[in-house]
Amino acid sequence: MSAAGVLSHIEVTYRPGDRQLAIDLFGALGCKIYDTETPSLTGASYISAHPDPGDRGLDNVLYISEMTDQQCALEAVLREKVEADADLRAAREAYRSLAGEKPFGLCHIAIRYPDFETLEGVLAMSRSGSRPN
């Protein structure tokens, strides 16, 4: 093993009811998807998404879990406040505009494909609605 640090994992969350949507999204990106059968804080099991379908290790993985009630409540209050406050709405729209035009430097996840042909295959799968094996 290298003496350098290794990116272990990233955890992302989905809204209650959106589990299959989250699975389908990362599957369409070419990730190999597994149900870990390990319960998250909500009791729903973690899903692991592996950008390299041949590697199901503990590193280079995204863990997908359901939002907690506390996160849902926080986001509901934030949505309510943004809609009620013109300054907050304007700040949100400015951020959305920047994210659409220049996403670098903002929070995001990027997957590098080994070659253009692999990327084309992933794009074809996403267009057809199919998932990798």
N, C-alpha and C. Protein backbone atom coordinates (compact mmCIF):
# COMPACT_ATOMS: atom_id res chain seq x y z
N MET A 1 0.85 -1.19 0.00
CA MET A 1 0.00 0.00 0.00
C MET A 1 0.88 1.24 0.00
N SER A 2 0.44 2.24 -0.70
CA SER A 2 1.16 3.50 -0.79
C SER A 2 1.15 4.22 0.56
N ALA A 3 2.19 5.01 0.79
CA ALA A 3 2.26 5.80 2.01
C ALA A 3 1.32 7.01 1.94
N ALA A 4 0.85 7.31 0.74
CA ALA A 4 -0.06 8.44 0.56
C ALA A 4 -1.46 8.07 1.04
N GLY A 5 -2.23 9.07 1.34
CA GLY A 5 -3.62 8.83 1.72
C GLY A 5 -4.42 8.27 0.55
N VAL A 6 -5.48 7.59 0.88
CA VAL A 6 -6.36 7.01 -0.13
C VAL A 6 -7.76 7.54 0.11
N LEU A 7 -8.43 7.92 -0.96
CA LEU A 7 -9.82 8.32 -0.81
C LEU A 7 -10.62 7.08 -0.47
N SER A 8 -11.11 7.03 0.72
CA SER A 8 -11.85 5.86 1.18
C SER A 8 -13.25 5.84 0.57
N HIS A 9 -14.05 6.83 0.91
CA HIS A 9 -15.42 6.84 0.42
C HIS A 9 -16.01 8.23 0.51
N ILE A 10 -17.12 8.36 -0.17
CA ILE A 10 -17.96 9.55 -0.08
C ILE A 10 -19.36 9.04 0.24
N GLU A 11 -20.04 9.68 1.16
CA GLU A 11 -21.43 9.29 1.43
C GLU A 11 -22.35 10.36 0.87
N VAL A 12 -23.33 9.91 0.13
CA VAL A 12 -24.36 10.79 -0.42
C VAL A 12 -25.71 10.31 0.09
N THR A 13 -26.66 11.21 0.16
CA THR A 13 -27.97 10.84 0.69
C THR A 13 -29.06 11.09 -0.35
N TYR A 14 -30.14 10.36 -0.19
CA TYR A 14 -31.32 10.55 -1.03
C TYR A 14 -32.51 10.82 -0.13
N ARG A 15 -33.52 11.46 -0.70
CA ARG A 15 -34.74 11.74 0.05
C ARG A 15 -35.53 10.45 0.27
N PRO A 16 -36.28 10.39 1.36
CA PRO A 16 -37.14 9.21 1.56
C PRO A 16 -38.02 8.99 0.33
N GLY A 17 -38.07 7.76 -0.10
CA GLY A 17 -38.84 7.42 -1.29
C GLY A 17 -38.05 7.43 -2.58
N ASP A 18 -36.83 7.96 -2.55
CA ASP A 18 -36.02 8.08 -3.77
C ASP A 18 -34.89 7.05 -3.86
N ARG A 19 -34.98 5.98 -3.10
CA ARG A 19 -33.92 4.97 -3.08
C ARG A 19 -33.64 4.42 -4.49
N GLN A 20 -34.68 3.99 -5.18
CA GLN A 20 -34.47 3.40 -6.50
C GLN A 20 -33.93 4.42 -7.49
N LEU A 21 -34.37 5.66 -7.37
CA LEU A 21 -33.86 6.73 -8.22
C LEU A 21 -32.36 6.90 -8.02
N ALA A 22 -31.91 6.88 -6.76
CA ALA A 22 -30.48 7.00 -6.47
C ALA A 22 -29.69 5.82 -7.04
N ILE A 23 -30.24 4.63 -6.87
CA ILE A 23 -29.59 3.42 -7.41
C ILE A 23 -29.49 3.53 -8.93
N ASP A 24 -30.58 3.93 -9.56
CA ASP A 24 -30.60 4.04 -11.02
C ASP A 24 -29.61 5.10 -11.52
N LEU A 25 -29.51 6.21 -10.80
CA LEU A 25 -28.58 7.27 -11.20
C LEU A 25 -27.15 6.76 -11.23
N PHE A 26 -26.70 6.17 -10.12
CA PHE A 26 -25.31 5.72 -10.08
C PHE A 26 -25.08 4.51 -10.98
N GLY A 27 -26.10 3.69 -11.16
CA GLY A 27 -26.00 2.60 -12.13
C GLY A 27 -25.83 3.13 -13.54
N ALA A 28 -26.59 4.18 -13.87
CA ALA A 28 -26.49 4.79 -15.20
C ALA A 28 -25.12 5.42 -15.43
N LEU A 29 -24.47 5.84 -14.35
CA LEU A 29 -23.12 6.41 -14.47
C LEU A 29 -22.06 5.33 -14.64
N GLY A 30 -22.48 4.08 -14.63
CA GLY A 30 -21.54 2.98 -14.85
C GLY A 30 -21.03 2.35 -13.58
N CYS A 31 -21.56 2.76 -12.43
CA CYS A 31 -21.11 2.18 -11.16
C CYS A 31 -21.76 0.80 -10.96
N LYS A 32 -21.03 -0.09 -10.32
CA LYS A 32 -21.59 -1.37 -9.90
C LYS A 32 -22.25 -1.12 -8.55
N ILE A 33 -23.49 -1.55 -8.41
CA ILE A 33 -24.31 -1.24 -7.24
C ILE A 33 -24.50 -2.49 -6.39
N TYR A 34 -24.35 -2.34 -5.08
CA TYR A 34 -24.59 -3.43 -4.13
C TYR A 34 -25.41 -2.92 -2.96
N ASP A 35 -26.30 -3.74 -2.46
CA ASP A 35 -26.98 -3.46 -1.20
C ASP A 35 -26.07 -4.05 -0.12
N THR A 36 -25.56 -3.21 0.76
CA THR A 36 -24.60 -3.69 1.76
C THR A 36 -25.27 -4.47 2.88
N GLU A 37 -26.59 -4.33 3.01
CA GLU A 37 -27.36 -4.93 4.10
C GLU A 37 -26.94 -4.41 5.47
N THR A 38 -26.18 -3.32 5.49
CA THR A 38 -25.80 -2.65 6.73
C THR A 38 -26.78 -1.50 6.95
N PRO A 39 -27.50 -1.49 8.07
CA PRO A 39 -28.49 -0.42 8.27
C PRO A 39 -27.84 0.94 8.52
N SER A 40 -28.43 1.94 7.92
CA SER A 40 -28.00 3.32 8.14
C SER A 40 -28.75 3.86 9.36
N LEU A 41 -28.60 5.15 9.63
CA LEU A 41 -29.28 5.76 10.77
C LEU A 41 -30.80 5.68 10.65
N THR A 42 -31.32 5.56 9.41
CA THR A 42 -32.78 5.49 9.23
C THR A 42 -33.29 4.06 9.27
N GLY A 43 -32.37 3.10 9.27
CA GLY A 43 -32.77 1.70 9.23
C GLY A 43 -32.73 1.10 7.84
N ALA A 44 -32.77 1.96 6.81
CA ALA A 44 -32.62 1.47 5.44
C ALA A 44 -31.15 1.09 5.24
N SER A 45 -30.90 0.06 4.47
CA SER A 45 -29.52 -0.37 4.29
C SER A 45 -28.76 0.59 3.37
N TYR A 46 -27.45 0.67 3.63
CA TYR A 46 -26.57 1.43 2.75
C TYR A 46 -26.46 0.72 1.42
N ILE A 47 -26.37 1.50 0.36
CA ILE A 47 -26.05 1.01 -0.97
C ILE A 47 -24.61 1.43 -1.24
N SER A 48 -23.81 0.55 -1.82
CA SER A 48 -22.47 0.96 -2.24
C SER A 48 -22.44 1.04 -3.75
N ALA A 49 -21.81 2.08 -4.26
CA ALA A 49 -21.67 2.31 -5.70
C ALA A 49 -20.18 2.36 -6.00
N HIS A 50 -19.73 1.47 -6.87
CA HIS A 50 -18.30 1.35 -7.18
C HIS A 50 -18.04 1.80 -8.61
N PRO A 51 -17.32 2.92 -8.79
CA PRO A 51 -17.03 3.41 -10.14
C PRO A 51 -16.27 2.39 -10.99
N ASP A 52 -15.42 1.57 -10.36
CA ASP A 52 -14.72 0.50 -11.07
C ASP A 52 -15.49 -0.78 -10.79
N PRO A 53 -16.28 -1.26 -11.76
CA PRO A 53 -17.11 -2.45 -11.52
C PRO A 53 -16.32 -3.69 -11.11
N GLY A 54 -15.03 -3.71 -11.40
CA GLY A 54 -14.20 -4.86 -11.03
C GLY A 54 -13.62 -4.76 -9.63
N ASP A 55 -13.90 -3.67 -8.93
CA ASP A 55 -13.30 -3.46 -7.60
C ASP A 55 -14.40 -3.19 -6.59
N ARG A 56 -14.64 -4.16 -5.71
CA ARG A 56 -15.63 -3.96 -4.65
C ARG A 56 -14.92 -3.79 -3.31
N GLY A 57 -13.85 -3.08 -3.30
CA GLY A 57 -13.10 -2.84 -2.07
C GLY A 57 -13.76 -1.80 -1.20
N LEU A 58 -13.09 -1.48 -0.10
CA LEU A 58 -13.61 -0.48 0.84
C LEU A 58 -13.18 0.93 0.48
N ASP A 59 -12.32 1.07 -0.53
CA ASP A 59 -11.88 2.38 -0.99
C ASP A 59 -12.45 2.64 -2.38
N ASN A 60 -12.46 3.91 -2.77
CA ASN A 60 -12.97 4.30 -4.08
C ASN A 60 -14.43 3.88 -4.23
N VAL A 61 -15.22 4.24 -3.23
CA VAL A 61 -16.63 3.82 -3.20
C VAL A 61 -17.51 4.99 -2.74
N LEU A 62 -18.72 5.01 -3.25
CA LEU A 62 -19.73 5.95 -2.78
C LEU A 62 -20.75 5.16 -1.98
N TYR A 63 -21.04 5.61 -0.78
CA TYR A 63 -22.11 4.99 0.01
C TYR A 63 -23.34 5.88 -0.12
N ILE A 64 -24.46 5.24 -0.38
CA ILE A 64 -25.71 5.95 -0.62
C ILE A 64 -26.68 5.57 0.50
N SER A 65 -27.17 6.58 1.20
CA SER A 65 -28.08 6.29 2.32
C SER A 65 -29.25 7.26 2.29
N GLU A 66 -30.31 6.86 2.98
CA GLU A 66 -31.50 7.70 3.08
C GLU A 66 -31.26 8.85 4.05
N MET A 67 -31.78 10.00 3.73
CA MET A 67 -31.67 11.16 4.63
C MET A 67 -32.32 10.85 5.97
N THR A 68 -31.73 11.35 7.01
CA THR A 68 -32.34 11.23 8.33
C THR A 68 -33.52 12.20 8.44
N ASP A 69 -34.38 11.94 9.41
CA ASP A 69 -35.50 12.86 9.66
C ASP A 69 -34.98 14.26 9.96
N GLN A 70 -33.86 14.34 10.66
CA GLN A 70 -33.29 15.65 11.01
C GLN A 70 -32.84 16.42 9.77
N GLN A 71 -32.21 15.73 8.82
CA GLN A 71 -31.80 16.40 7.59
C GLN A 71 -33.02 16.82 6.78
N CYS A 72 -34.03 15.96 6.72
CA CYS A 72 -35.27 16.31 6.00
C CYS A 72 -35.91 17.55 6.62
N ALA A 73 -35.96 17.61 7.94
CA ALA A 73 -36.55 18.76 8.63
C ALA A 73 -35.75 20.03 8.35
N LEU A 74 -34.43 19.94 8.42
CA LEU A 74 -33.58 21.10 8.14
C LEU A 74 -33.81 21.59 6.71
N GLU A 75 -33.82 20.67 5.76
CA GLU A 75 -34.01 21.08 4.37
C GLU A 75 -35.39 21.67 4.13
N ALA A 76 -36.41 21.17 4.83
CA ALA A 76 -37.76 21.73 4.70
C ALA A 76 -37.79 23.17 5.20
N VAL A 77 -37.15 23.42 6.35
CA VAL A 77 -37.10 24.78 6.90
C VAL A 77 -36.33 25.69 5.95
N LEU A 78 -35.22 25.21 5.43
CA LEU A 78 -34.43 26.02 4.49
C LEU A 78 -35.23 26.35 3.24
N ARG A 79 -35.94 25.36 2.68
CA ARG A 79 -36.78 25.62 1.50
C ARG A 79 -37.84 26.68 1.80
N GLU A 80 -38.48 26.55 2.96
CA GLU A 80 -39.51 27.50 3.36
C GLU A 80 -38.94 28.91 3.48
N LYS A 81 -37.79 29.03 4.12
CA LYS A 81 -37.17 30.34 4.32
C LYS A 81 -36.71 30.94 3.00
N VAL A 82 -36.17 30.12 2.11
CA VAL A 82 -35.73 30.62 0.81
C VAL A 82 -36.91 31.15 0.01
N GLU A 83 -38.02 30.42 0.03
CA GLU A 83 -39.19 30.86 -0.73
C GLU A 83 -39.80 32.13 -0.14
N ALA A 84 -39.67 32.34 1.17
CA ALA A 84 -40.27 33.50 1.83
C ALA A 84 -39.39 34.74 1.78
N ASP A 85 -38.11 34.58 1.47
CA ASP A 85 -37.17 35.69 1.55
C ASP A 85 -36.57 35.97 0.17
N ALA A 86 -36.82 37.17 -0.36
CA ALA A 86 -36.36 37.52 -1.70
C ALA A 86 -34.84 37.49 -1.81
N ASP A 87 -34.13 37.94 -0.77
CA ASP A 87 -32.67 37.92 -0.81
C ASP A 87 -32.12 36.50 -0.87
N LEU A 88 -32.71 35.61 -0.07
CA LEU A 88 -32.29 34.20 -0.11
C LEU A 88 -32.60 33.57 -1.47
N ARG A 89 -33.77 33.88 -2.02
CA ARG A 89 -34.13 33.34 -3.34
C ARG A 89 -33.14 33.82 -4.39
N ALA A 90 -32.78 35.08 -4.35
CA ALA A 90 -31.83 35.64 -5.32
C ALA A 90 -30.46 34.97 -5.17
N ALA A 91 -30.03 34.76 -3.92
CA ALA A 91 -28.74 34.10 -3.69
C ALA A 91 -28.77 32.66 -4.22
N ARG A 92 -29.89 31.97 -4.01
CA ARG A 92 -30.01 30.60 -4.52
C ARG A 92 -29.95 30.60 -6.05
N GLU A 93 -30.64 31.51 -6.68
CA GLU A 93 -30.65 31.55 -8.15
C GLU A 93 -29.27 31.90 -8.69
N ALA A 94 -28.55 32.79 -8.02
CA ALA A 94 -27.20 33.13 -8.46
C ALA A 94 -26.28 31.92 -8.34
N TYR A 95 -26.42 31.17 -7.26
CA TYR A 95 -25.60 29.96 -7.08
C TYR A 95 -25.95 28.92 -8.14
N ARG A 96 -27.24 28.71 -8.38
CA ARG A 96 -27.67 27.75 -9.41
C ARG A 96 -27.12 28.14 -10.78
N SER A 97 -27.14 29.42 -11.07
CA SER A 97 -26.63 29.89 -12.35
C SER A 97 -25.13 29.60 -12.47
N LEU A 98 -24.39 29.92 -11.42
CA LEU A 98 -22.95 29.62 -11.42
C LEU A 98 -22.70 28.13 -11.57
N ALA A 99 -23.45 27.32 -10.85
CA ALA A 99 -23.27 25.86 -10.92
C ALA A 99 -23.54 25.35 -12.33
N GLY A 100 -24.48 25.94 -13.01
CA GLY A 100 -24.79 25.52 -14.37
C GLY A 100 -23.76 25.95 -15.39
N GLU A 101 -23.15 27.10 -15.14
CA GLU A 101 -22.19 27.66 -16.09
C GLU A 101 -20.74 27.27 -15.79
N LYS A 102 -20.39 27.22 -14.52
CA LYS A 102 -19.00 26.97 -14.11
C LYS A 102 -18.99 26.07 -12.87
N PRO A 103 -19.25 24.78 -13.03
CA PRO A 103 -19.37 23.91 -11.86
C PRO A 103 -18.05 23.62 -11.14
N PHE A 104 -16.93 23.85 -11.80
CA PHE A 104 -15.65 23.61 -11.13
C PHE A 104 -15.52 24.56 -9.94
N GLY A 105 -14.92 24.08 -8.87
CA GLY A 105 -14.79 24.89 -7.68
C GLY A 105 -15.99 24.79 -6.75
N LEU A 106 -17.05 24.10 -7.19
CA LEU A 106 -18.23 23.88 -6.36
C LEU A 106 -18.28 22.39 -6.01
N CYS A 107 -19.03 22.05 -4.98
CA CYS A 107 -19.14 20.65 -4.58
C CYS A 107 -19.73 19.82 -5.71
N HIS A 108 -19.05 18.72 -6.03
CA HIS A 108 -19.54 17.81 -7.05
C HIS A 108 -18.79 16.49 -6.95
N ILE A 109 -19.29 15.51 -7.68
CA ILE A 109 -18.64 14.20 -7.78
C ILE A 109 -18.29 14.02 -9.25
N ALA A 110 -17.09 13.56 -9.52
CA ALA A 110 -16.67 13.32 -10.89
C ALA A 110 -16.18 11.88 -11.01
N ILE A 111 -16.56 11.25 -12.10
CA ILE A 111 -16.09 9.89 -12.38
C ILE A 111 -15.29 9.95 -13.68
N ARG A 112 -14.06 9.47 -13.63
CA ARG A 112 -13.22 9.43 -14.83
C ARG A 112 -13.35 8.05 -15.46
N TYR A 113 -13.66 8.03 -16.73
CA TYR A 113 -13.77 6.77 -17.45
C TYR A 113 -12.42 6.49 -18.13
N PRO A 114 -12.07 5.22 -18.29
CA PRO A 114 -10.73 4.90 -18.80
C PRO A 114 -10.50 5.34 -20.24
N ASP A 115 -11.57 5.47 -21.02
CA ASP A 115 -11.43 5.90 -22.40
C ASP A 115 -12.76 6.42 -22.92
N PHE A 116 -12.72 7.02 -24.10
CA PHE A 116 -13.91 7.62 -24.68
C PHE A 116 -14.97 6.56 -24.98
N GLU A 117 -14.56 5.38 -25.39
CA GLU A 117 -15.51 4.31 -25.72
C GLU A 117 -16.32 3.90 -24.49
N THR A 118 -15.67 3.83 -23.34
CA THR A 118 -16.38 3.48 -22.10
C THR A 118 -17.41 4.55 -21.77
N LEU A 119 -17.01 5.80 -21.88
CA LEU A 119 -17.94 6.91 -21.65
C LEU A 119 -19.12 6.83 -22.61
N GLU A 120 -18.85 6.57 -23.87
CA GLU A 120 -19.93 6.44 -24.85
C GLU A 120 -20.90 5.32 -24.47
N GLY A 121 -20.36 4.21 -23.95
CA GLY A 121 -21.21 3.10 -23.50
C GLY A 121 -22.10 3.50 -22.34
N VAL A 122 -21.54 4.25 -21.40
CA VAL A 122 -22.33 4.72 -20.26
C VAL A 122 -23.43 5.67 -20.73
N LEU A 123 -23.08 6.56 -21.64
CA LEU A 123 -24.08 7.50 -22.16
C LEU A 123 -25.18 6.76 -22.93
N ALA A 124 -24.80 5.74 -23.69
CA ALA A 124 -25.80 4.95 -24.42
C ALA A 124 -26.74 4.23 -23.45
N MET A 125 -26.18 3.68 -22.36
CA MET A 125 -27.02 3.02 -21.36
C MET A 125 -27.97 4.00 -20.72
N SER A 126 -27.48 5.21 -20.41
CA SER A 126 -28.35 6.18 -19.74
C SER A 126 -29.47 6.63 -20.68
N ARG A 127 -29.18 6.72 -21.96
CA ARG A 127 -30.22 7.12 -22.93
C ARG A 127 -31.27 6.02 -23.08
N SER A 128 -30.83 4.76 -23.00
CA SER A 128 -31.76 3.65 -23.21
C SER A 128 -32.49 3.24 -21.92
N GLY A 129 -31.98 3.74 -20.79
CA GLY A 129 -32.59 3.39 -19.52
C GLY A 129 -32.10 2.06 -18.97
N SER A 130 -31.12 1.45 -19.62
CA SER A 130 -30.59 0.18 -19.11
C SER A 130 -29.47 0.44 -18.12
N ARG A 131 -29.05 -0.62 -17.44
CA ARG A 131 -27.97 -0.51 -16.45
C ARG A 131 -26.89 -1.51 -16.77
N PRO A 132 -25.65 -1.22 -16.36
CA PRO A 132 -24.57 -2.18 -16.59
C PRO A 132 -24.80 -3.43 -15.75
N ASN A 133 -24.17 -4.52 -16.15
CA ASN A 133 -24.28 -5.76 -15.38
C ASN A 133 -23.54 -5.67 -14.08
